[in-house]
Protein backbone atom coordinates (compact mmCIF):
# COMPACT_ATOMS: atom_id res chain seq x y z
CA UNK A 1 185.90 247.22 271.65
CA UNK A 2 185.47 243.71 273.64
CA UNK A 3 181.73 242.27 273.18
CA UNK A 4 179.94 242.42 276.62
CA UNK A 5 179.94 238.24 277.40
CA UNK A 6 177.22 237.48 279.80
CA UNK A 7 178.32 234.79 282.29
CA UNK A 8 175.38 232.02 283.09
CA UNK A 9 174.71 228.74 285.36
CA UNK A 10 172.96 226.28 284.59
CA UNK A 11 170.08 227.49 287.14
CA UNK A 12 170.21 231.21 285.69
CA UNK A 13 170.36 230.46 282.07
CA UNK A 14 167.81 232.54 280.33
CA UNK A 15 164.76 230.02 278.53
CA UNK A 16 163.59 232.24 275.99
CA UNK A 17 166.51 231.85 273.10
CA UNK A 18 166.42 231.74 269.40
CA UNK A 19 168.65 228.65 269.58
CA UNK A 20 172.10 228.33 270.43
CA UNK A 21 175.53 226.97 269.15
CA UNK A 22 177.34 225.94 271.92
CA UNK A 23 181.41 225.27 272.21
CA UNK A 24 181.53 221.95 274.33
CA UNK A 25 184.77 221.63 275.88
CA UNK A 26 186.52 222.32 279.24
CA UNK A 27 188.60 225.33 278.04
CA UNK A 28 191.40 225.59 280.42
CA UNK A 29 193.79 226.74 278.91
CA UNK A 30 192.28 228.64 276.17
CA UNK A 31 194.82 227.86 273.52
CA UNK A 32 194.73 227.83 269.74
CA UNK A 33 193.13 224.45 269.47
CA UNK A 34 190.56 225.84 271.97
CA UNK A 35 190.12 228.66 270.30
CA UNK A 36 189.51 227.52 267.27
CA UNK A 37 186.42 225.75 268.51
CA UNK A 38 185.06 229.22 270.21
CA UNK A 39 185.64 231.02 267.15
CA UNK A 40 183.80 228.64 264.98
CA UNK A 41 180.95 228.67 267.13
CA UNK A 42 180.58 232.27 267.05
CA UNK A 43 180.54 232.86 263.27
CA UNK A 44 178.05 230.17 262.55
CA UNK A 45 176.03 232.11 265.67
CA UNK A 46 176.37 235.44 263.70
CA UNK A 47 175.71 233.44 260.44
CA UNK A 48 172.56 232.09 261.32
CA UNK A 49 170.93 234.64 263.62
CA UNK A 50 171.69 232.23 267.32
CA UNK A 51 173.15 232.61 270.10
CA UNK A 52 177.35 231.56 270.55
CA UNK A 53 177.30 229.95 273.94
CA UNK A 54 180.83 228.99 275.57
CA UNK A 55 180.49 225.75 277.66
CA UNK A 56 183.08 225.26 280.48
CA UNK A 57 183.24 224.83 283.93
CA UNK A 58 183.98 225.57 287.54
CA UNK A 59 185.74 222.93 290.39
CA UNK A 60 187.52 221.59 287.62
CA UNK A 61 188.60 218.38 287.96
CA UNK A 62 192.16 218.71 287.58
CA UNK A 63 196.02 218.18 289.01
CA UNK A 64 195.77 219.81 292.77
CA UNK A 65 192.52 221.42 291.98
CA UNK A 66 194.69 224.52 290.10
CA UNK A 67 192.91 225.63 286.85
CA UNK A 68 195.40 227.67 284.09
CA UNK A 69 192.76 230.54 284.51
CA UNK A 70 191.02 232.31 287.05
CA UNK A 71 187.10 232.76 286.31
CA UNK A 72 187.66 236.28 285.65
CA UNK A 73 190.31 236.22 283.48
CA UNK A 74 189.14 232.86 281.37
CA UNK A 75 185.58 235.49 281.15
CA UNK A 76 188.01 238.04 279.79
CA UNK A 77 189.54 235.99 277.23
CA UNK A 78 186.38 234.31 276.05
CA UNK A 79 184.79 237.72 276.03
CA UNK A 80 187.84 238.70 273.22
CA UNK A 81 186.18 236.00 270.57
CA UNK A 82 182.91 237.91 270.49
CA UNK A 83 180.55 235.44 272.18
CA UNK A 84 177.92 235.82 273.69
CA UNK A 85 177.28 233.69 276.72
CA UNK A 86 179.94 231.73 279.12
CA UNK A 87 177.94 229.29 280.42
CA UNK A 88 179.63 228.13 283.85
CA UNK A 89 178.86 224.56 284.96
CA UNK A 90 179.16 223.51 288.42
CA UNK A 91 182.05 219.86 287.51
CA UNK A 92 180.73 218.26 290.21
CA UNK A 93 177.18 218.33 289.73
CA UNK A 94 177.91 216.83 286.01
CA UNK A 95 181.21 214.71 286.23
CA UNK A 96 178.72 212.04 287.30
CA UNK A 97 176.18 212.16 284.99
CA UNK A 98 175.49 209.43 282.29
CA UNK A 99 176.45 211.03 278.93
CA UNK A 100 172.60 210.53 277.21
CA UNK A 101 171.09 212.64 280.25
CA UNK A 102 173.80 215.26 279.94
CA UNK A 103 172.91 215.21 275.93
CA UNK A 104 168.90 215.06 276.40
CA UNK A 105 168.69 217.49 279.30
CA UNK A 106 171.01 219.59 279.36
CA UNK A 107 172.11 220.20 275.81
CA UNK A 108 168.63 219.76 274.85
CA UNK A 109 166.38 220.82 276.85
CA UNK A 110 168.08 223.31 279.11
CA UNK A 111 170.60 224.82 276.51
CA UNK A 112 168.17 224.38 273.67
CA UNK A 113 171.09 223.29 271.36
CA UNK A 114 170.92 224.38 267.88
CA UNK A 115 174.31 223.48 267.04
CA UNK A 116 177.01 221.51 268.64
CA UNK A 117 180.83 222.30 267.96
CA UNK A 118 183.75 220.20 269.86
CA UNK A 119 186.82 218.97 269.32
CA UNK A 120 187.85 215.56 267.73
CA UNK A 121 188.76 213.86 271.16
CA UNK A 122 185.59 215.57 273.42
CA UNK A 123 184.22 213.70 275.77
CA UNK A 124 181.90 213.84 278.77
CA UNK A 125 179.52 212.17 281.27
CA UNK A 126 180.18 209.84 283.87
CA UNK A 127 183.52 208.30 283.34
CA UNK A 128 184.29 210.07 280.17
CA UNK A 129 181.98 207.47 277.94
CA UNK A 130 180.66 210.10 275.95
CA UNK A 131 182.14 211.02 272.99
CA UNK A 132 181.56 212.72 269.14
CA UNK A 133 179.95 209.49 268.16
CA UNK A 134 177.92 209.35 270.56
CA UNK A 135 176.50 213.33 270.09
CA UNK A 136 176.15 212.37 266.27
CA UNK A 137 173.91 210.00 266.88
CA UNK A 138 172.34 212.16 269.66
CA UNK A 139 172.10 214.79 267.18
CA UNK A 140 170.69 213.20 264.26
CA UNK A 141 167.35 211.95 266.56
CA UNK A 142 166.53 215.71 267.47
CA UNK A 143 167.33 217.18 264.57
CA UNK A 144 170.94 219.24 265.87
CA UNK A 145 174.01 220.04 263.80
CA UNK A 146 177.05 218.88 264.73
CA UNK A 147 180.73 220.67 263.77
CA UNK A 148 183.83 219.02 264.58
CA UNK A 149 186.43 221.13 264.75
CA UNK A 150 189.96 219.62 263.51
CA UNK A 151 192.91 219.47 266.01
CA UNK A 152 194.89 222.46 265.69
CA UNK A 153 199.22 221.25 265.13
CA UNK A 154 201.40 223.86 266.20
CA UNK A 155 203.25 225.22 263.18
CA UNK A 156 205.84 223.52 262.07
CA UNK A 157 205.48 220.26 263.90
CA UNK A 158 202.80 217.22 263.33
CA UNK A 159 202.38 218.00 266.93
CA UNK A 160 198.44 218.95 268.23
CA UNK A 161 197.96 221.40 270.58
CA UNK A 162 196.72 220.33 274.05
CA UNK A 163 196.28 221.67 277.21
CA UNK A 164 198.68 218.82 278.82
CA UNK A 165 201.43 220.29 276.68
CA UNK A 166 200.70 223.63 277.76
CA UNK A 167 200.74 222.86 281.11
CA UNK A 168 204.04 220.89 280.81
CA UNK A 169 205.58 224.05 279.13
CA UNK A 170 204.63 226.23 282.22
CA UNK A 171 206.05 223.64 284.51
CA UNK A 172 208.70 223.89 282.79
CA UNK A 173 209.30 227.53 282.52
CA UNK A 174 208.98 227.41 278.84
CA UNK A 175 206.99 230.95 278.22
CA UNK A 176 208.19 230.97 275.12
CA UNK A 177 206.48 227.42 273.87
CA UNK A 178 203.24 228.31 275.87
CA UNK A 179 202.85 231.79 274.22
CA UNK A 180 203.05 229.93 270.64
CA UNK A 181 200.54 227.67 271.50
CA UNK A 182 198.29 230.89 272.90
CA UNK A 183 198.49 232.22 268.98
CA UNK A 184 200.93 234.78 270.65
CA UNK A 185 199.58 235.19 274.05
CA UNK A 186 201.64 235.64 277.37
CA UNK A 187 200.38 233.26 280.04
CA UNK A 188 199.46 235.73 282.59
CA UNK A 189 198.91 236.37 286.50
CA UNK A 190 196.02 238.77 287.29
CA UNK A 191 195.04 240.64 290.29
CA UNK A 192 195.15 243.63 292.23
CA UNK A 193 198.83 245.09 293.39
CA UNK A 194 199.05 244.55 297.11
CA UNK A 195 201.40 246.05 299.76
CA UNK A 196 204.82 243.81 300.62
CA UNK A 197 207.74 244.16 302.91
CA UNK A 198 209.09 247.15 300.66
CA UNK A 199 212.38 245.35 301.15
CA UNK A 200 212.99 245.11 297.18
CA UNK A 201 212.14 249.29 297.57
CA UNK A 202 215.05 249.24 299.90
CA UNK A 203 217.24 247.68 298.01
CA UNK A 204 216.73 250.16 294.68
CA UNK A 205 214.15 247.80 292.84
CA UNK A 206 210.74 248.60 294.50
CA UNK A 207 208.01 245.45 292.94
CA UNK A 208 204.28 245.21 292.41
CA UNK A 209 203.10 242.00 294.23
CA UNK A 210 199.93 240.20 293.47
CA UNK A 211 198.93 236.77 295.13
CA UNK A 212 197.93 234.09 293.59
CA UNK A 213 195.09 232.17 294.12
CA UNK A 214 195.28 229.40 295.53
CA UNK A 215 192.99 227.26 292.78
CA UNK A 216 195.50 229.18 290.14
CA UNK A 217 198.51 226.66 288.41
CA UNK A 218 201.91 227.67 289.56
CA UNK A 219 204.52 227.57 286.76
CA UNK A 220 207.73 226.73 287.17
CA UNK A 221 209.23 228.79 290.02
CA UNK A 222 211.79 231.89 289.02
CA UNK A 223 212.59 234.93 287.54
CA UNK A 224 210.97 235.83 284.23
CA UNK A 225 210.80 238.82 281.65
CA UNK A 226 207.60 240.17 281.95
CA UNK A 227 205.08 242.20 280.24
CA UNK A 228 202.90 244.49 282.36
CA UNK A 229 199.32 245.33 281.34
CA UNK A 230 198.33 248.57 283.98
CA UNK A 231 195.38 250.49 282.39
CA UNK A 232 195.60 250.98 278.81
CA UNK A 233 199.37 250.93 279.37
CA UNK A 234 202.14 248.35 278.41
CA UNK A 235 204.94 248.41 280.35
CA UNK A 236 208.12 245.65 281.13
CA UNK A 237 210.01 244.27 284.05
CA UNK A 238 211.27 241.08 285.72
CA UNK A 239 209.33 239.03 288.08
CA UNK A 240 210.03 236.39 289.97
CA UNK A 241 207.63 234.18 290.77
CA UNK A 242 207.61 231.95 294.20
CA UNK A 243 208.04 232.12 297.85
CA UNK A 244 210.61 234.52 298.26
CA UNK A 245 213.17 232.22 300.05
CA UNK A 246 216.53 235.14 300.14
CA UNK A 247 213.74 237.51 302.23
CA UNK A 248 211.07 235.71 303.85
CA UNK A 249 210.18 232.32 302.51
CA UNK A 250 206.59 233.03 302.14
CA UNK A 251 203.60 230.14 302.60
CA UNK A 252 201.81 231.58 299.61
CA UNK A 253 203.17 231.92 295.74
CA UNK A 254 203.61 235.80 294.87
CA UNK A 255 204.35 237.58 291.24
CA UNK A 256 206.91 240.14 292.20
CA UNK A 257 207.84 242.54 289.32
CA UNK A 258 209.91 244.81 288.75
CA UNK A 259 208.94 247.29 286.28
CA UNK A 260 211.43 248.74 284.96
CA UNK A 261 211.58 253.26 284.79
CA UNK A 262 208.57 252.96 286.93
CA UNK A 263 208.11 254.72 290.47
CA UNK A 264 204.06 255.49 290.97
CA UNK A 265 201.89 254.17 293.55
CA UNK A 266 199.88 251.45 292.79
CA UNK A 267 198.89 249.65 295.76
CA UNK A 268 195.48 248.52 294.61
CA UNK A 269 195.46 248.91 291.09
CA UNK A 270 194.61 246.08 288.89
CA UNK A 271 197.38 244.41 287.12
CA UNK A 272 197.95 242.01 284.19
CA UNK A 273 201.63 240.00 284.28
CA UNK A 274 202.40 238.58 281.42
CA UNK A 275 205.45 235.98 281.30
CA UNK A 276 207.57 236.20 278.22
CA UNK A 277 210.70 234.75 278.83
CA UNK A 278 212.26 232.49 281.97
CA UNK A 279 216.01 233.61 283.07
CA UNK A 280 216.49 231.67 286.27
CA UNK A 281 215.08 229.48 289.00
CA UNK A 282 214.22 230.75 291.69
CA UNK A 283 217.20 230.40 294.26
CA UNK A 284 218.33 231.44 298.06
CA UNK A 285 221.02 233.89 298.03
CA UNK A 286 223.55 233.95 300.18
CA UNK A 287 223.28 237.97 301.08
CA UNK A 288 221.08 240.78 300.00
CA UNK A 289 223.89 242.13 297.86
CA UNK A 290 224.05 238.79 296.03
CA UNK A 291 220.42 239.70 295.14
CA UNK A 292 221.16 242.93 294.20
CA UNK A 293 223.83 241.45 291.69
CA UNK A 294 221.15 239.12 290.16
CA UNK A 295 218.65 241.88 289.70
CA UNK A 296 220.67 243.98 287.80
CA UNK A 297 222.00 241.20 285.51
CA UNK A 298 218.11 240.32 285.47
CA UNK A 299 217.28 243.40 284.51
CA UNK A 300 220.05 243.33 281.60
CA UNK A 301 219.00 240.30 280.46
CA UNK A 302 215.32 241.29 280.38
CA UNK A 303 216.25 244.37 278.17
CA UNK A 304 218.59 242.96 275.62
CA UNK A 305 215.36 239.26 275.43
CA UNK A 306 212.72 242.59 274.89
CA UNK A 307 214.63 244.35 272.49
CA UNK A 308 214.89 241.13 270.16
CA UNK A 309 211.51 240.41 270.96
CA UNK A 310 209.23 243.23 270.48
């Protein structure tokens, strides 16, 4: 059972506390390097009878203003680590704060930090002037424990796992390497199943559609083998991510999934679509017949991949 992780802003963070073990970072990708830091905070807090708190941000300053995970997705993933709290700071409010002010006014006085845990290259404050050495000096003066978690290298390589690597992999459609970077977890799109124009149903492959939020990262547009979570059920299918150029050339990106051996009315249901493997780029077909043939081919390719990888 997933532990309930309470979410707070700085203003409503409870003051009465037995001391916090703070995992510091942006934690956008929640890859294995991030999870090492969070899980260390959880284990230290449980051992010492403290509160484990994961610090993250909203309004993250990332490319195109898009984050890899929505706030709800990030909360779910953090909850799975066993953390007690998720502290969501407004990045716009702290990005110009001097590092010393951030350490003293937020971490020490507001969060009542007992222990600070971070990665080797953690930086913070205005112009990213704050670093691990500054944290160690501050912590020594204020009797705060500091734990620096070593970089996580991808198994079989000497390359550090990073959010940049994860973003680059997804931009290239490499769902397989993205899953490796996240410890076997598919990159997902989640949301409520919405009704489309039912053109797929008319051609023999009904689809479950999710609209991509404006602030969520868009992977390489195209067709993927997908794993579908519907309630407690796990299903499989093929998913097209993009603008549906053959049928309508939509303005917003849509996650459109043809679920195998499935024909239930799930409009309004919450879905999670995990990307397993990239099959082909999104392309505009010359006719509906060409699209039908492409979907049937993708289904065969997906079933073969699923057979060999699940």
